[in-house]
Amino acid sequence: MSGIKETLETEPHFIAYFDILGYENMIKAGGEEKIKSLLSIIDESVKGAMVLAYTFNEIGTNIKMKVFSDNFFFCTKDDPYILVILISLIQTSLAMNDIFIRGALCYGNIYFDDHYVFGKGIIDAHFLESNIALFPRIILDNTIIKAISPEAGFEIISDYIYEDFDGNKYISYLNNKNDKEKMLNDSEMSFDDILSTHKKLIQKNLSSEDKSVLQKYQWCKRYHNKFCKKNDFNKFVIE
């Protein structure tokens, strides 16, 4: 069959999988203009993050991606560090547009080409996103923690990793002030603007009467405050 390799062998990859919280409601509530606007925001966020992420690697990391509806899949065989940075950039950019995501990073075997992506790795990533992540966070599975142990250079991204109340490690997407300002340069947002916007959007969503929505943004409040207190941005703490 055209476009398919003769041997469909899976190979180890670092995998990031996430989806958009409340995506179905966004689509149902909006008309064609809203849908076009949402797609444009997602496209700009992903492209902007990809461009900036590549500047961290002079060789150029081979990151592959597929998007279906609100399901985002990124993978690389080469560099887990750039994958963490990439996802943190996308999270921040989307959050500035009141779009919050949830997902997971793991390490596993997949097959990937122009037409197909399959294998145990993507099944594991989807399970983690659906059953473990739960909140607007991107968790790191033990498979990827082991693959990027301190001996392998985990300290490179240690500032990006927080541990949550349930023991799961997750990406602290607000980390790295300079990267976030560079990515949002077109909007001329300073890091103070980013934290202020993040705070206001969380406060707005905390007024939801939907208990499941409220629970997710209560988590966002805890994360926001943890980041602000840890990094001396106390004026942005949500009371």
C-alpha atoms as a PDB file:
ATOM      1  CA  MET A   1       0.000   0.000   0.000  1.00  0.00           C
ATOM      2  CA  SER A   2       1.333   3.441  -0.922  1.00  0.00           C
ATOM      3  CA  GLY A   3       2.839   5.472   1.909  1.00  0.00           C
ATOM      4  CA  ILE A   4       3.220   2.577   4.359  1.00  0.00           C
ATOM      5  CA  LYS A   5       6.588   1.063   5.197  1.00  0.00           C
ATOM      6  CA  GLU A   6       7.086  -2.579   4.354  1.00  0.00           C
ATOM      7  CA  THR A   7       7.879  -3.410   7.989  1.00  0.00           C
ATOM      8  CA  LEU A   8       5.567  -1.823  10.534  1.00  0.00           C
ATOM      9  CA  GLU A   9       7.874  -1.978  13.538  1.00  0.00           C
ATOM     10  CA  THR A  10       7.318   0.048  16.686  1.00  0.00           C
ATOM     11  CA  GLU A  11      10.214   1.964  18.225  1.00  0.00           C
ATOM     12  CA  PRO A  12      10.786   3.672  21.604  1.00  0.00           C
ATOM     13  CA  HIS A  13       9.635   7.300  21.672  1.00  0.00           C
ATOM     14  CA  PHE A  14       9.165  10.083  24.191  1.00  0.00           C
ATOM     15  CA  ILE A  15       5.451  10.849  23.916  1.00  0.00           C
ATOM     16  CA  ALA A  16       3.259  13.812  24.857  1.00  0.00           C
ATOM     17  CA  TYR A  17      -0.511  13.475  24.589  1.00  0.00           C
ATOM     18  CA  PHE A  18      -3.095  16.033  25.676  1.00  0.00           C
ATOM     19  CA  ASP A  19      -6.560  17.381  24.973  1.00  0.00           C
ATOM     20  CA  ILE A  20      -8.447  20.623  25.577  1.00  0.00           C
ATOM     21  CA  LEU A  21     -10.707  20.812  28.598  1.00  0.00           C
ATOM     22  CA  GLY A  22     -14.257  21.840  27.736  1.00  0.00           C
ATOM     23  CA  TYR A  23     -13.604  21.607  23.997  1.00  0.00           C
ATOM     24  CA  GLU A  24     -16.988  20.073  23.186  1.00  0.00           C
ATOM     25  CA  ASN A  25     -18.810  22.898  24.973  1.00  0.00           C
ATOM     26  CA  MET A  26     -16.651  25.496  23.200  1.00  0.00           C
ATOM     27  CA  ILE A  27     -17.616  24.073  19.821  1.00  0.00           C
ATOM     28  CA  LYS A  28     -21.312  23.683  20.657  1.00  0.00           C
ATOM     29  CA  ALA A  29     -21.588  27.164  22.146  1.00  0.00           C
ATOM     30  CA  GLY A  30     -19.794  28.947  19.320  1.00  0.00           C
ATOM     31  CA  GLY A  31     -20.783  29.593  15.726  1.00  0.00           C
ATOM     32  CA  GLU A  32     -18.505  29.314  12.729  1.00  0.00           C
ATOM     33  CA  GLU A  33     -16.564  32.454  13.689  1.00  0.00           C
ATOM     34  CA  LYS A  34     -15.909  31.074  17.172  1.00  0.00           C
ATOM     35  CA  ILE A  35     -14.680  27.790  15.737  1.00  0.00           C
ATOM     36  CA  LYS A  36     -12.392  29.607  13.273  1.00  0.00           C
ATOM     37  CA  SER A  37     -11.038  31.760  16.096  1.00  0.00           C
ATOM     38  CA  LEU A  38     -10.384  28.711  18.280  1.00  0.00           C
ATOM     39  CA  LEU A  39      -8.561  26.928  15.480  1.00  0.00           C
ATOM     40  CA  SER A  40      -6.465  30.020  14.811  1.00  0.00           C
ATOM     41  CA  ILE A  41      -5.470  30.301  18.495  1.00  0.00           C
ATOM     42  CA  ILE A  42      -4.479  26.631  18.637  1.00  0.00           C
ATOM     43  CA  ASP A  43      -2.512  26.881  15.391  1.00  0.00           C
ATOM     44  CA  GLU A  44      -0.619  29.992  16.498  1.00  0.00           C
ATOM     45  CA  SER A  45       0.129  28.482  19.913  1.00  0.00           C
ATOM     46  CA  VAL A  46       1.529  25.249  18.503  1.00  0.00           C
ATOM     47  CA  LYS A  47       3.538  26.917  15.726  1.00  0.00           C
ATOM     48  CA  GLY A  48       4.938  29.569  18.064  1.00  0.00           C
ATOM     49  CA  ALA A  49       5.987  26.942  20.602  1.00  0.00           C
ATOM     50  CA  MET A  50       7.587  24.764  17.923  1.00  0.00           C
ATOM     51  CA  VAL A  51       9.644  27.672  16.566  1.00  0.00           C
ATOM     52  CA  LEU A  52      10.884  28.711  20.008  1.00  0.00           C
ATOM     53  CA  ALA A  53      11.506  25.137  21.180  1.00  0.00           C
ATOM     54  CA  TYR A  54      13.771  24.483  18.213  1.00  0.00           C
ATOM     55  CA  THR A  55      16.004  27.406  19.222  1.00  0.00           C
ATOM     56  CA  PHE A  56      17.059  25.373  22.262  1.00  0.00           C
ATOM     57  CA  ASN A  57      18.646  22.711  20.079  1.00  0.00           C
ATOM     58  CA  GLU A  58      21.260  23.691  17.522  1.00  0.00           C
ATOM     59  CA  ILE A  59      20.981  20.340  15.754  1.00  0.00           C
ATOM     60  CA  GLY A  60      17.211  20.483  15.570  1.00  0.00           C
ATOM     61  CA  THR A  61      15.137  17.951  17.444  1.00  0.00           C
ATOM     62  CA  ASN A  62      12.935  15.740  15.332  1.00  0.00           C
ATOM     63  CA  ILE A  63       9.540  16.323  16.925  1.00  0.00           C
ATOM     64  CA  LYS A  64       6.615  14.733  15.099  1.00  0.00           C
ATOM     65  CA  MET A  65       3.012  15.658  15.730  1.00  0.00           C
ATOM     66  CA  LYS A  66      -0.557  14.767  14.849  1.00  0.00           C
ATOM     67  CA  VAL A  67      -3.743  16.592  15.828  1.00  0.00           C
ATOM     68  CA  PHE A  68      -7.275  15.239  15.607  1.00  0.00           C
ATOM     69  CA  SER A  69     -10.078  17.442  16.906  1.00  0.00           C
ATOM     70  CA  ASP A  70      -8.865  18.374  20.406  1.00  0.00           C
ATOM     71  CA  ASN A  71      -6.407  15.461  20.688  1.00  0.00           C
ATOM     72  CA  PHE A  72      -2.764  16.469  20.386  1.00  0.00           C
ATOM     73  CA  PHE A  73       0.057  13.982  19.987  1.00  0.00           C
ATOM     74  CA  PHE A  74       3.770  14.873  19.936  1.00  0.00           C
ATOM     75  CA  CYS A  75       6.688  12.476  19.946  1.00  0.00           C
ATOM     76  CA  THR A  76      10.438  12.309  19.472  1.00  0.00           C
ATOM     77  CA  LYS A  77      13.043   9.569  19.606  1.00  0.00           C
ATOM     78  CA  ASP A  78      15.791  12.036  20.465  1.00  0.00           C
ATOM     79  CA  ASP A  79      15.222  14.608  23.177  1.00  0.00           C
ATOM     80  CA  PRO A  80      12.738  14.468  26.083  1.00  0.00           C
ATOM     81  CA  TYR A  81      13.927  17.819  27.424  1.00  0.00           C
ATOM     82  CA  ILE A  82      12.768  19.782  24.410  1.00  0.00           C
ATOM     83  CA  LEU A  83       9.421  17.973  24.573  1.00  0.00           C
ATOM     84  CA  VAL A  84       8.868  19.202  28.146  1.00  0.00           C
ATOM     85  CA  ILE A  85       9.784  22.759  27.158  1.00  0.00           C
ATOM     86  CA  LEU A  86       7.561  22.589  24.071  1.00  0.00           C
ATOM     87  CA  ILE A  87       4.510  21.465  26.032  1.00  0.00           C
ATOM     88  CA  SER A  88       5.062  24.127  28.700  1.00  0.00           C
ATOM     89  CA  LEU A  89       5.141  26.804  25.996  1.00  0.00           C
ATOM     90  CA  ILE A  90       1.928  25.511  24.421  1.00  0.00           C
ATOM     91  CA  GLN A  91       0.228  25.351  27.832  1.00  0.00           C
ATOM     92  CA  THR A  92       1.098  28.951  28.623  1.00  0.00           C
ATOM     93  CA  SER A  93       0.067  30.285  25.237  1.00  0.00           C
ATOM     94  CA  LEU A  94      -3.283  28.481  25.321  1.00  0.00           C
ATOM     95  CA  ALA A  95      -3.921  29.494  28.942  1.00  0.00           C
ATOM     96  CA  MET A  96      -3.546  33.153  27.941  1.00  0.00           C
ATOM     97  CA  ASN A  97      -6.574  32.531  25.713  1.00  0.00           C
ATOM     98  CA  ASP A  98      -8.589  30.831  28.470  1.00  0.00           C
ATOM     99  CA  ILE A  99      -7.851  27.381  27.024  1.00  0.00           C
ATOM    100  CA  PHE A 100      -6.608  24.830  29.542  1.00  0.00           C
ATOM    101  CA  ILE A 101      -5.289  21.389  28.689  1.00  0.00           C
ATOM    102  CA  ARG A 102      -4.712  18.059  30.389  1.00  0.00           C
ATOM    103  CA  GLY A 103      -2.462  15.189  29.403  1.00  0.00           C
ATOM    104  CA  ALA A 104       0.619  13.114  30.014  1.00  0.00           C
ATOM    105  CA  LEU A 105       4.182  12.425  28.974  1.00  0.00           C
ATOM    106  CA  CYS A 106       5.437   8.869  28.826  1.00  0.00           C
ATOM    107  CA  TYR A 107       8.064   6.697  27.158  1.00  0.00           C
ATOM    108  CA  GLY A 108       6.959   3.767  25.045  1.00  0.00           C
ATOM    109  CA  ASN A 109       6.934   1.969  21.725  1.00  0.00           C
ATOM    110  CA  ILE A 110       4.946   3.343  18.801  1.00  0.00           C
ATOM    111  CA  TYR A 111       4.887   3.263  15.026  1.00  0.00           C
ATOM    112  CA  PHE A 112       4.531   6.686  13.373  1.00  0.00           C
ATOM    113  CA  ASP A 113       4.305   7.714   9.714  1.00  0.00           C
ATOM    114  CA  ASP A 114       2.333  10.151   7.557  1.00  0.00           C
ATOM    115  CA  HIS A 115      -0.808   8.051   7.876  1.00  0.00           C
ATOM    116  CA  TYR A 116      -0.660   5.984  11.048  1.00  0.00           C
ATOM    117  CA  VAL A 117       0.316   6.223  14.663  1.00  0.00           C
ATOM    118  CA  PHE A 118      -0.242   3.195  16.833  1.00  0.00           C
ATOM    119  CA  GLY A 119       1.382   1.091  19.549  1.00  0.00           C
ATOM    120  CA  LYS A 120       1.339   0.533  23.270  1.00  0.00           C
ATOM    121  CA  GLY A 121       2.938   3.936  23.893  1.00  0.00           C
ATOM    122  CA  ILE A 122      -0.065   5.902  22.656  1.00  0.00           C
ATOM    123  CA  ILE A 123      -2.472   3.602  24.513  1.00  0.00           C
ATOM    124  CA  ASP A 124      -0.540   4.254  27.728  1.00  0.00           C
ATOM    125  CA  ALA A 125      -0.471   8.016  27.083  1.00  0.00           C
ATOM    126  CA  HIS A 126      -4.221   8.112  26.441  1.00  0.00           C
ATOM    127  CA  PHE A 127      -4.917   6.112  29.613  1.00  0.00           C
ATOM    128  CA  LEU A 128      -2.791   8.503  31.683  1.00  0.00           C
ATOM    129  CA  GLU A 129      -4.519  11.540  30.192  1.00  0.00           C
ATOM    130  CA  SER A 130      -8.021  10.129  30.740  1.00  0.00           C
ATOM    131  CA  ASN A 131      -7.633   8.431  34.111  1.00  0.00           C
ATOM    132  CA  ILE A 132      -4.680   9.923  35.999  1.00  0.00           C
ATOM    133  CA  ALA A 133      -4.128  13.528  34.883  1.00  0.00           C
ATOM    134  CA  LEU A 134      -7.751  14.563  35.711  1.00  0.00           C
ATOM    135  CA  PHE A 135      -6.874  18.240  36.294  1.00  0.00           C
ATOM    136  CA  PRO A 136      -5.461  20.885  33.879  1.00  0.00           C
ATOM    137  CA  ARG A 137      -1.984  19.416  34.207  1.00  0.00           C
ATOM    138  CA  ILE A 138       0.462  17.447  32.074  1.00  0.00           C
ATOM    139  CA  ILE A 139       1.787  14.639  34.233  1.00  0.00           C
ATOM    140  CA  LEU A 140       5.031  12.734  33.764  1.00  0.00           C
ATOM    141  CA  ASP A 141       4.707   8.970  33.933  1.00  0.00           C
ATOM    142  CA  ASN A 142       7.371   6.920  35.704  1.00  0.00           C
ATOM    143  CA  THR A 143       8.491   5.558  32.324  1.00  0.00           C
ATOM    144  CA  ILE A 144       9.692   8.998  31.258  1.00  0.00           C
ATOM    145  CA  ILE A 145      11.054   9.867  34.714  1.00  0.00           C
ATOM    146  CA  LYS A 146      13.265   6.770  34.525  1.00  0.00           C
ATOM    147  CA  ALA A 147      14.273   7.534  30.951  1.00  0.00           C
ATOM    148  CA  ILE A 148      15.460  11.022  31.967  1.00  0.00           C
ATOM    149  CA  SER A 149      16.950  10.161  35.354  1.00  0.00           C
ATOM    150  CA  PRO A 150      19.544  12.467  37.000  1.00  0.00           C
ATOM    151  CA  GLU A 151      22.279  10.370  35.410  1.00  0.00           C
ATOM    152  CA  ALA A 152      20.723  11.088  32.009  1.00  0.00           C
ATOM    153  CA  GLY A 153      20.494  14.821  32.694  1.00  0.00           C
ATOM    154  CA  PHE A 154      17.114  15.271  34.363  1.00  0.00           C
ATOM    155  CA  GLU A 155      18.416  18.399  36.105  1.00  0.00           C
ATOM    156  CA  ILE A 156      18.158  20.240  32.778  1.00  0.00           C
ATOM    157  CA  ILE A 157      14.376  20.414  33.193  1.00  0.00           C
ATOM    158  CA  SER A 158      14.047  19.948  36.949  1.00  0.00           C
ATOM    159  CA  ASP A 159      12.789  23.533  37.365  1.00  0.00           C
ATOM    160  CA  TYR A 160       9.868  22.694  35.085  1.00  0.00           C
ATOM    161  CA  ILE A 161       8.744  19.749  37.214  1.00  0.00           C
ATOM    162  CA  TYR A 162       6.523  20.022  40.310  1.00  0.00           C
ATOM    163  CA  GLU A 163       5.158  17.220  42.458  1.00  0.00           C
ATOM    164  CA  ASP A 164       1.427  17.267  43.131  1.00  0.00           C
ATOM    165  CA  PHE A 165      -0.648  16.347  46.204  1.00  0.00           C
ATOM    166  CA  ASP A 166      -1.196  12.822  44.837  1.00  0.00           C
ATOM    167  CA  GLY A 167       2.494  12.140  44.189  1.00  0.00           C
ATOM    168  CA  ASN A 168       2.278  12.678  40.434  1.00  0.00           C
ATOM    169  CA  LYS A 169       4.888  14.898  38.842  1.00  0.00           C
ATOM    170  CA  TYR A 170       3.661  17.486  36.357  1.00  0.00           C
ATOM    171  CA  ILE A 171       4.968  20.272  34.140  1.00  0.00           C
ATOM    172  CA  SER A 172       5.042  23.701  35.779  1.00  0.00           C
ATOM    173  CA  TYR A 173       4.139  25.531  32.601  1.00  0.00           C
ATOM    174  CA  LEU A 174       4.624  29.026  34.007  1.00  0.00           C
ATOM    175  CA  ASN A 175       8.339  28.398  34.487  1.00  0.00           C
ATOM    176  CA  ASN A 176      11.024  30.210  32.502  1.00  0.00           C
ATOM    177  CA  LYS A 177      10.032  33.850  32.353  1.00  0.00           C
ATOM    178  CA  ASN A 178      12.187  34.693  29.313  1.00  0.00           C
ATOM    179  CA  ASP A 179      10.789  31.906  27.134  1.00  0.00           C
ATOM    180  CA  LYS A 180       7.211  32.887  27.848  1.00  0.00           C
ATOM    181  CA  GLU A 181       7.830  36.555  27.080  1.00  0.00           C
ATOM    182  CA  LYS A 182       9.572  35.638  23.809  1.00  0.00           C
ATOM    183  CA  MET A 183       6.712  33.432  22.693  1.00  0.00           C
ATOM    184  CA  LEU A 184       4.091  36.071  23.474  1.00  0.00           C
ATOM    185  CA  ASN A 185       6.211  38.902  22.115  1.00  0.00           C
ATOM    186  CA  ASP A 186       3.686  39.831  19.404  1.00  0.00           C
ATOM    187  CA  SER A 187       1.145  40.670  22.096  1.00  0.00           C
ATOM    188  CA  GLU A 188       3.829  42.601  24.024  1.00  0.00           C
ATOM    189  CA  MET A 189       2.992  40.765  27.242  1.00  0.00           C
ATOM    190  CA  SER A 190       5.465  40.996  30.091  1.00  0.00           C
ATOM    191  CA  PHE A 191       5.743  38.132  32.559  1.00  0.00           C
ATOM    192  CA  ASP A 192       3.754  40.209  35.058  1.00  0.00           C
ATOM    193  CA  ASP A 193       1.035  40.484  32.393  1.00  0.00           C
ATOM    194  CA  ILE A 194       1.107  36.702  31.943  1.00  0.00           C
ATOM    195  CA  LEU A 195       0.685  36.051  35.667  1.00  0.00           C
ATOM    196  CA  SER A 196      -2.003  38.730  35.972  1.00  0.00           C
ATOM    197  CA  THR A 197      -3.967  37.267  33.042  1.00  0.00           C
ATOM    198  CA  HIS A 198      -3.557  33.745  34.383  1.00  0.00           C
ATOM    199  CA  LYS A 199      -4.886  34.897  37.756  1.00  0.00           C
ATOM    200  CA  LYS A 200      -7.909  36.700  36.280  1.00  0.00           C
ATOM    201  CA  LEU A 201      -8.897  33.772  34.047  1.00  0.00           C
ATOM    202  CA  ILE A 202      -8.721  31.316  36.958  1.00  0.00           C
ATOM    203  CA  GLN A 203     -10.780  33.650  39.144  1.00  0.00           C
ATOM    204  CA  LYS A 204     -13.388  33.941  36.383  1.00  0.00           C
ATOM    205  CA  ASN A 205     -13.660  30.162  36.023  1.00  0.00           C
ATOM    206  CA  LEU A 206     -13.874  29.687  39.805  1.00  0.00           C
ATOM    207  CA  SER A 207     -17.346  31.224  39.584  1.00  0.00           C
ATOM    208  CA  SER A 208     -18.632  28.210  37.612  1.00  0.00           C
ATOM    209  CA  GLU A 209     -21.634  26.401  39.069  1.00  0.00           C
ATOM    210  CA  ASP A 210     -20.537  23.173  37.358  1.00  0.00           C
ATOM    211  CA  LYS A 211     -18.823  21.125  40.090  1.00  0.00           C
ATOM    212  CA  SER A 212     -16.536  19.263  37.689  1.00  0.00           C
ATOM    213  CA  VAL A 213     -15.389  22.536  36.115  1.00  0.00           C
ATOM    214  CA  LEU A 214     -14.966  24.150  39.525  1.00  0.00           C
ATOM    215  CA  GLN A 215     -12.769  21.278  40.725  1.00  0.00           C
ATOM    216  CA  LYS A 216     -10.418  21.720  37.771  1.00  0.00           C
ATOM    217  CA  TYR A 217      -9.982  25.435  38.335  1.00  0.00           C
ATOM    218  CA  GLN A 218      -9.496  24.954  42.051  1.00  0.00           C
ATOM    219  CA  TRP A 219      -6.518  22.864  41.022  1.00  0.00           C
ATOM    220  CA  CYS A 220      -5.367  25.728  38.760  1.00  0.00           C
ATOM    221  CA  LYS A 221      -5.610  28.104  41.703  1.00  0.00           C
ATOM    222  CA  ARG A 222      -3.439  25.817  43.854  1.00  0.00           C
ATOM    223  CA  TYR A 223      -0.847  25.520  41.100  1.00  0.00           C
ATOM    224  CA  HIS A 224      -0.849  29.269  40.361  1.00  0.00           C
ATOM    225  CA  ASN A 225      -0.363  30.117  44.044  1.00  0.00           C
ATOM    226  CA  LYS A 226       2.344  27.487  44.478  1.00  0.00           C
ATOM    227  CA  PHE A 227       4.270  28.919  41.559  1.00  0.00           C
ATOM    228  CA  CYS A 228       3.845  32.529  42.707  1.00  0.00           C
ATOM    229  CA  LYS A 229       4.910  31.808  46.297  1.00  0.00           C
ATOM    230  CA  LYS A 230       7.864  29.689  45.238  1.00  0.00           C
ATOM    231  CA  ASN A 231       9.153  32.374  42.849  1.00  0.00           C
ATOM    232  CA  ASP A 232       8.381  35.526  44.875  1.00  0.00           C
ATOM    233  CA  PHE A 233       5.438  36.732  42.789  1.00  0.00           C
ATOM    234  CA  ASN A 234       3.298  37.122  45.886  1.00  0.00           C
ATOM    235  CA  LYS A 235       1.326  40.074  44.495  1.00  0.00           C
ATOM    236  CA  PHE A 236      -0.334  37.683  42.061  1.00  0.00           C
ATOM    237  CA  VAL A 237      -1.464  35.127  44.652  1.00  0.00           C
ATOM    238  CA  ILE A 238      -5.172  34.308  44.445  1.00  0.00           C
ATOM    239  CA  GLU A 239      -6.830  34.737  47.833  1.00  0.00           C
END
